[in-house]
N, C-alpha and C. Protein backbone atom coordinates (compact mmCIF):
# COMPACT_ATOMS: atom_id res chain seq x y z
N GLN A 1 19.50 7.69 3.10
CA GLN A 1 18.75 7.14 3.89
C GLN A 1 17.22 6.84 3.42
N VAL A 2 16.88 5.87 3.06
CA VAL A 2 15.50 5.57 2.32
C VAL A 2 14.51 5.41 3.21
N GLN A 3 13.54 6.43 3.39
CA GLN A 3 12.25 6.65 4.16
C GLN A 3 11.05 6.63 3.70
N LEU A 4 9.78 5.60 4.14
CA LEU A 4 8.66 5.62 3.61
C LEU A 4 7.72 5.91 4.49
N VAL A 5 7.02 7.84 4.40
CA VAL A 5 5.89 7.62 5.77
C VAL A 5 4.80 7.08 5.10
N GLU A 6 4.01 6.32 5.64
CA GLU A 6 2.57 6.40 5.37
C GLU A 6 1.42 7.69 6.08
N SER A 7 0.09 7.87 5.42
CA SER A 7 -0.62 8.96 6.26
C SER A 7 -2.09 8.37 5.70
N GLY A 8 -2.97 9.02 6.20
CA GLY A 8 -3.92 8.59 5.54
C GLY A 8 -4.92 7.77 6.36
N GLY A 9 -4.66 6.82 6.97
CA GLY A 9 -5.41 5.72 7.71
C GLY A 9 -6.61 6.58 8.58
N GLY A 10 -7.27 5.55 9.08
CA GLY A 10 -8.45 6.08 10.25
C GLY A 10 -9.23 5.04 10.25
N LEU A 11 -10.49 5.66 10.88
CA LEU A 11 -11.39 4.77 11.22
C LEU A 11 -12.60 4.93 9.92
N VAL A 12 -13.16 4.22 9.55
CA VAL A 12 -14.45 4.25 8.60
C VAL A 12 -15.38 3.04 8.45
N GLN A 13 -16.46 3.37 8.62
CA GLN A 13 -17.48 2.29 8.39
C GLN A 13 -17.92 1.90 7.29
N THR A 14 -18.46 0.39 7.59
CA THR A 14 -18.40 -0.90 6.41
C THR A 14 -19.01 0.03 5.06
N GLY A 15 -18.27 -0.16 3.91
CA GLY A 15 -18.84 0.37 2.61
C GLY A 15 -18.21 1.65 2.75
N GLY A 16 -17.54 2.43 3.30
CA GLY A 16 -16.82 3.44 3.19
C GLY A 16 -15.52 3.24 2.60
N SER A 17 -14.99 4.46 2.58
CA SER A 17 -13.77 4.65 1.64
C SER A 17 -12.67 5.51 2.01
N LEU A 18 -11.47 4.92 1.96
CA LEU A 18 -10.24 5.67 2.36
C LEU A 18 -9.03 6.07 1.21
N SER A 19 -8.31 6.88 1.43
CA SER A 19 -7.26 7.12 0.60
C SER A 19 -5.79 6.64 1.42
N LEU A 20 -4.93 6.13 1.49
CA LEU A 20 -3.46 6.33 1.72
C LEU A 20 -2.63 6.94 0.74
N SER A 21 -1.48 7.38 1.43
CA SER A 21 -0.46 7.98 0.74
C SER A 21 0.45 7.43 1.39
N CYS A 22 1.72 7.52 0.64
CA CYS A 22 2.68 7.18 0.82
C CYS A 22 4.46 7.78 0.44
N ALA A 23 4.98 8.55 1.13
CA ALA A 23 5.59 10.08 0.82
C ALA A 23 7.26 9.20 0.90
N ALA A 24 8.39 8.66 -0.28
CA ALA A 24 9.11 8.31 -0.18
C ALA A 24 10.81 9.65 -0.35
N SER A 25 11.45 9.56 0.13
CA SER A 25 12.90 10.27 0.32
C SER A 25 13.50 9.30 0.66
N GLY A 26 15.02 10.08 0.21
CA GLY A 26 16.19 9.41 0.09
C GLY A 26 16.54 8.75 -0.58
N ARG A 27 16.23 8.54 -1.92
CA ARG A 27 16.48 8.01 -2.87
C ARG A 27 15.15 8.15 -4.04
N THR A 28 15.80 8.20 -5.45
CA THR A 28 14.99 8.33 -6.35
C THR A 28 14.47 6.91 -6.64
N PHE A 29 12.58 7.25 -6.60
CA PHE A 29 11.80 6.08 -6.65
C PHE A 29 11.26 6.03 -7.76
N SER A 30 11.66 6.92 -9.12
CA SER A 30 10.84 6.84 -10.11
C SER A 30 11.52 5.38 -10.59
N ASN A 31 12.12 4.62 -10.70
CA ASN A 31 12.34 3.33 -11.33
C ASN A 31 12.04 2.30 -10.13
N ALA A 32 11.31 2.43 -9.13
CA ALA A 32 10.98 1.23 -7.99
C ALA A 32 9.51 0.85 -8.14
N VAL A 33 9.70 -0.34 -7.74
CA VAL A 33 8.11 -0.92 -7.82
C VAL A 33 8.17 -0.81 -6.19
N MET A 34 7.13 -0.12 -5.95
CA MET A 34 6.53 0.22 -4.87
C MET A 34 5.15 -0.20 -4.76
N GLY A 35 4.31 -0.66 -3.11
CA GLY A 35 3.59 -1.59 -2.54
C GLY A 35 2.91 -1.21 -1.72
N TRP A 36 1.97 -2.20 -1.18
CA TRP A 36 1.16 -2.01 -0.21
C TRP A 36 0.94 -3.70 0.60
N PHE A 37 0.88 -3.70 1.73
CA PHE A 37 1.04 -4.59 2.58
C PHE A 37 0.04 -4.91 3.83
N ARG A 38 -0.34 -5.50 4.20
CA ARG A 38 -1.18 -5.02 5.38
C ARG A 38 -1.21 -6.61 6.54
N GLN A 39 -1.16 -5.86 7.92
CA GLN A 39 -1.22 -7.23 8.84
C GLN A 39 -2.14 -6.66 9.68
N ALA A 40 -3.22 -7.94 9.54
CA ALA A 40 -4.24 -7.83 10.54
C ALA A 40 -3.90 -8.55 11.90
N PRO A 41 -4.40 -8.37 12.81
CA PRO A 41 -4.15 -8.73 14.19
C PRO A 41 -4.41 -10.10 14.30
N GLY A 42 -2.88 -10.50 14.75
CA GLY A 42 -2.67 -12.14 14.79
C GLY A 42 -2.75 -12.88 13.75
N LYS A 43 -2.16 -11.77 12.45
CA LYS A 43 -1.85 -12.62 11.15
C LYS A 43 -0.48 -12.14 10.48
N GLY A 44 -0.59 -12.69 9.61
CA GLY A 44 0.80 -12.49 9.21
C GLY A 44 0.40 -11.03 7.90
N HIS A 45 2.01 -10.94 7.54
CA HIS A 45 1.55 -9.96 6.66
C HIS A 45 0.98 -10.24 4.79
N GLN A 46 0.20 -9.47 4.61
CA GLN A 46 -0.32 -10.30 3.28
C GLN A 46 -0.12 -8.89 2.40
N PHE A 47 0.26 -9.59 1.12
CA PHE A 47 0.11 -8.45 -0.19
C PHE A 47 -1.12 -7.93 -0.29
N VAL A 48 -1.08 -6.46 -0.57
CA VAL A 48 -2.66 -6.05 -1.29
C VAL A 48 -2.30 -4.75 -2.64
N ALA A 49 -1.46 -4.71 -3.41
CA ALA A 49 -1.35 -4.20 -4.36
C ALA A 49 0.38 -3.55 -4.63
N ALA A 50 0.45 -3.55 -5.77
CA ALA A 50 1.64 -3.30 -6.47
C ALA A 50 1.70 -2.53 -7.52
N ILE A 51 2.73 -1.27 -7.72
CA ILE A 51 2.90 -0.70 -8.96
C ILE A 51 4.32 -0.52 -9.74
N ASN A 52 4.51 -0.76 -11.03
CA ASN A 52 6.26 -0.48 -11.61
C ASN A 52 6.29 0.78 -11.16
N GLY A 53 7.36 1.11 -11.52
CA GLY A 53 7.98 2.48 -11.40
C GLY A 53 7.59 3.28 -12.24
N ASP A 54 6.94 3.03 -13.91
CA ASP A 54 6.19 4.29 -14.61
C ASP A 54 4.63 4.19 -14.32
N GLY A 55 4.41 3.04 -13.47
CA GLY A 55 2.59 3.24 -13.00
C GLY A 55 2.18 2.44 -14.39
N THR A 56 2.72 1.55 -15.26
CA THR A 56 1.96 0.99 -16.12
C THR A 56 1.59 -0.43 -16.06
N ARG A 57 2.51 -0.71 -14.74
CA ARG A 57 1.47 -2.24 -14.49
C ARG A 57 1.38 -1.86 -12.91
N THR A 58 0.27 -2.91 -12.68
CA THR A 58 0.17 -3.29 -11.03
C THR A 58 -0.35 -4.58 -11.08
N GLY A 59 -0.76 -4.64 -9.79
CA GLY A 59 -1.30 -6.12 -9.33
C GLY A 59 -1.56 -6.14 -8.18
N TYR A 60 -2.73 -6.73 -7.69
CA TYR A 60 -3.99 -6.75 -6.69
C TYR A 60 -3.72 -8.05 -6.20
N ALA A 61 -4.38 -8.15 -4.68
CA ALA A 61 -4.55 -9.43 -4.39
C ALA A 61 -6.11 -9.64 -4.76
N ASP A 62 -6.27 -10.90 -4.66
CA ASP A 62 -7.53 -11.22 -5.04
C ASP A 62 -8.70 -10.55 -4.28
N SER A 63 -8.56 -10.33 -2.86
CA SER A 63 -9.42 -10.02 -1.91
C SER A 63 -9.62 -8.34 -2.11
N VAL A 64 -8.94 -7.56 -2.95
CA VAL A 64 -9.15 -6.16 -2.74
C VAL A 64 -9.41 -6.03 -4.32
N LYS A 65 -9.21 -6.79 -5.19
CA LYS A 65 -9.23 -6.65 -6.84
C LYS A 65 -11.06 -5.84 -7.33
N GLY A 66 -10.97 -4.86 -7.70
CA GLY A 66 -11.79 -4.28 -7.82
C GLY A 66 -12.73 -3.06 -6.78
N ARG A 67 -11.49 -3.16 -6.12
CA ARG A 67 -12.38 -2.10 -4.76
C ARG A 67 -11.23 -0.78 -4.55
N PHE A 68 -9.99 -1.44 -4.58
CA PHE A 68 -8.59 -0.73 -3.93
C PHE A 68 -8.19 -0.50 -5.73
N THR A 69 -7.43 0.70 -5.66
CA THR A 69 -6.61 1.04 -7.08
C THR A 69 -5.54 2.07 -6.46
N ILE A 70 -4.29 1.49 -6.94
CA ILE A 70 -2.63 1.69 -6.58
C ILE A 70 -2.30 2.78 -7.72
N SER A 71 -1.77 4.00 -7.19
CA SER A 71 -1.04 4.88 -8.27
C SER A 71 0.20 5.54 -7.61
N ARG A 72 0.65 6.16 -8.56
CA ARG A 72 1.92 7.04 -7.78
C ARG A 72 1.91 7.87 -9.01
N ASP A 73 2.72 9.34 -8.22
CA ASP A 73 3.04 10.21 -8.89
C ASP A 73 4.84 10.67 -8.42
N ASN A 74 5.52 10.06 -9.81
CA ASN A 74 6.97 10.28 -9.23
C ASN A 74 7.39 11.61 -9.39
N ALA A 75 6.61 12.76 -9.87
CA ALA A 75 7.16 14.18 -9.08
C ALA A 75 6.84 14.32 -8.19
N LYS A 76 6.21 13.76 -7.42
CA LYS A 76 6.39 13.58 -5.79
C LYS A 76 6.58 13.00 -5.00
N ASN A 77 7.18 11.93 -5.64
CA ASN A 77 7.67 10.99 -5.08
C ASN A 77 6.80 10.33 -3.97
N THR A 78 5.53 10.02 -4.57
CA THR A 78 4.32 9.50 -3.49
C THR A 78 3.62 8.86 -4.53
N MET A 79 3.12 7.81 -3.61
CA MET A 79 2.37 6.41 -4.03
C MET A 79 1.07 6.54 -3.24
N TYR A 80 -0.18 6.13 -3.79
CA TYR A 80 -1.42 6.26 -3.21
C TYR A 80 -2.28 4.93 -3.06
N LEU A 81 -3.24 4.53 -2.12
CA LEU A 81 -4.07 3.76 -2.51
C LEU A 81 -5.20 4.11 -2.32
N GLN A 82 -5.99 4.01 -3.16
CA GLN A 82 -7.47 4.36 -2.78
C GLN A 82 -8.46 3.41 -2.45
N MET A 83 -9.36 3.19 -1.33
CA MET A 83 -9.82 2.10 -1.08
C MET A 83 -11.38 2.24 -0.79
N ASN A 84 -11.95 1.67 -1.62
CA ASN A 84 -13.44 1.63 -1.67
C ASN A 84 -13.86 0.36 -1.37
N SER A 85 -15.59 0.57 -0.86
CA SER A 85 -16.50 -0.45 -0.40
C SER A 85 -15.59 -1.39 0.64
N LEU A 86 -15.11 -0.61 1.50
CA LEU A 86 -14.43 -1.32 2.79
C LEU A 86 -15.37 -2.15 3.57
N LYS A 87 -14.36 -3.29 3.79
CA LYS A 87 -14.93 -4.43 4.52
C LYS A 87 -14.71 -4.81 5.87
N SER A 88 -15.31 -4.97 7.07
CA SER A 88 -14.54 -5.27 8.51
C SER A 88 -13.04 -6.36 8.23
N GLU A 89 -13.07 -6.92 7.08
CA GLU A 89 -11.92 -7.80 7.27
C GLU A 89 -10.83 -6.92 6.37
N ASP A 90 -11.18 -5.89 6.15
CA ASP A 90 -9.50 -5.17 5.64
C ASP A 90 -9.51 -4.01 6.62
N THR A 91 -9.94 -4.28 8.05
CA THR A 91 -8.58 -3.88 8.78
C THR A 91 -7.61 -4.39 9.47
N ALA A 92 -6.88 -3.08 9.56
CA ALA A 92 -5.26 -3.87 9.53
C ALA A 92 -4.41 -2.91 9.57
N VAL A 93 -3.31 -2.99 9.55
CA VAL A 93 -2.30 -2.08 9.95
C VAL A 93 -1.70 -2.43 8.28
N TYR A 94 -1.66 -0.55 7.67
CA TYR A 94 -1.05 -0.69 6.25
C TYR A 94 0.01 0.02 5.74
N TYR A 95 1.25 -0.95 5.21
CA TYR A 95 2.32 -1.08 4.96
C TYR A 95 3.10 -0.66 4.08
N CYS A 96 3.65 0.48 3.51
CA CYS A 96 3.99 1.09 2.32
C CYS A 96 5.45 0.39 2.22
N VAL A 97 6.00 -0.52 1.26
CA VAL A 97 7.13 -0.83 0.60
C VAL A 97 7.62 -0.41 -0.78
N ALA A 98 8.82 -0.52 -0.41
CA ALA A 98 9.64 -0.19 -1.65
C ALA A 98 10.84 -1.60 -2.18
N GLY A 99 10.93 -1.54 -3.69
CA GLY A 99 12.02 -2.49 -3.81
C GLY A 99 12.49 -2.18 -5.55
N TRP A 100 13.46 -3.24 -5.72
CA TRP A 100 13.89 -2.76 -7.14
C TRP A 100 13.75 -3.83 -8.05
N GLY A 101 12.91 -4.55 -7.78
CA GLY A 101 12.71 -6.09 -9.02
C GLY A 101 11.85 -5.95 -9.72
N GLU A 102 10.47 -6.76 -9.54
CA GLU A 102 9.90 -6.97 -10.38
C GLU A 102 8.64 -6.92 -9.06
N ILE A 103 6.92 -6.67 -9.96
CA ILE A 103 6.29 -6.93 -9.08
C ILE A 103 5.68 -7.81 -8.41
N ALA A 104 5.92 -8.03 -7.01
CA ALA A 104 6.01 -9.30 -6.35
C ALA A 104 4.89 -9.47 -5.38
N VAL A 105 4.87 -10.65 -4.74
CA VAL A 105 3.90 -10.63 -3.69
C VAL A 105 3.94 -11.16 -2.37
N THR A 106 5.48 -11.29 -2.27
CA THR A 106 6.20 -11.87 -1.29
C THR A 106 6.79 -10.78 -0.42
N ARG A 107 6.53 -10.34 0.37
CA ARG A 107 7.51 -9.61 1.65
C ARG A 107 8.88 -9.00 0.99
N HIS A 108 9.40 -10.49 0.50
CA HIS A 108 10.99 -10.35 0.84
C HIS A 108 11.40 -9.82 -0.29
N GLU A 109 10.48 -9.41 -1.21
CA GLU A 109 10.92 -8.87 -2.40
C GLU A 109 11.45 -7.37 -2.24
N TYR A 110 10.67 -6.76 -1.17
CA TYR A 110 10.63 -5.65 -0.75
C TYR A 110 11.58 -5.10 0.27
N PRO A 111 12.66 -4.66 0.54
CA PRO A 111 13.68 -4.27 1.52
C PRO A 111 13.34 -2.79 2.52
N TYR A 112 12.52 -2.09 1.67
CA TYR A 112 12.12 -0.76 2.52
C TYR A 112 10.54 -1.03 2.74
N TRP A 113 10.37 -0.78 4.21
CA TRP A 113 8.97 -0.41 4.46
C TRP A 113 8.88 0.92 5.45
N GLY A 114 7.59 1.31 5.43
CA GLY A 114 7.39 1.96 6.46
C GLY A 114 6.59 1.73 7.63
N GLN A 115 6.33 2.44 8.25
CA GLN A 115 6.07 2.31 9.78
C GLN A 115 4.66 1.80 10.47
N GLY A 116 3.72 2.11 8.94
CA GLY A 116 2.46 1.52 8.65
C GLY A 116 1.46 2.60 9.28
N THR A 117 0.68 2.34 8.88
CA THR A 117 -0.99 3.22 9.54
C THR A 117 -2.35 2.20 9.67
N GLN A 118 -2.54 2.50 10.89
CA GLN A 118 -3.75 1.95 10.81
C GLN A 118 -5.15 1.99 10.12
N VAL A 119 -5.78 0.83 9.51
CA VAL A 119 -7.11 1.26 9.21
C VAL A 119 -7.93 0.35 9.54
N SER A 120 -8.93 1.03 10.12
CA SER A 120 -10.10 0.06 11.14
C SER A 120 -11.68 0.58 10.36
N VAL A 121 -12.05 -0.99 10.04
CA VAL A 121 -13.67 -0.70 9.22
C VAL A 121 -14.70 -1.31 10.34
N SER A 122 -15.19 -0.54 11.05
CA SER A 122 -16.63 -0.62 11.69
C SER A 122 -17.81 -1.16 10.92
N SER A 123 -18.45 -2.41 11.67
CA SER A 123 -19.83 -2.99 10.78
C SER A 123 -20.69 -1.92 11.52
């Protein structure tokens, strides 16, 4: 059974930083596209970032480009999201996702989802 477990969420002030981690188990993820989506209160799921299997290609939403960095360590089956210069509009539940296609911005391309971790940015 595939399992994705996020960690690292919390409360931070505007302009601060947080680092999220996603530990994967149950399957070899070295050839999987992995990524992050987020859902703010009352809104749908929004693509944040994704990375291909060997880490050579990444994709970001325009709203986070230049502030967030996605990376992975296949030896540890773990993916990371470094979030800098956080804004109040970054407040959301962040979900780790995995799939075996190409980097995509639509949630339906990722069949595996974690339970989510809350990120709250206060002004």
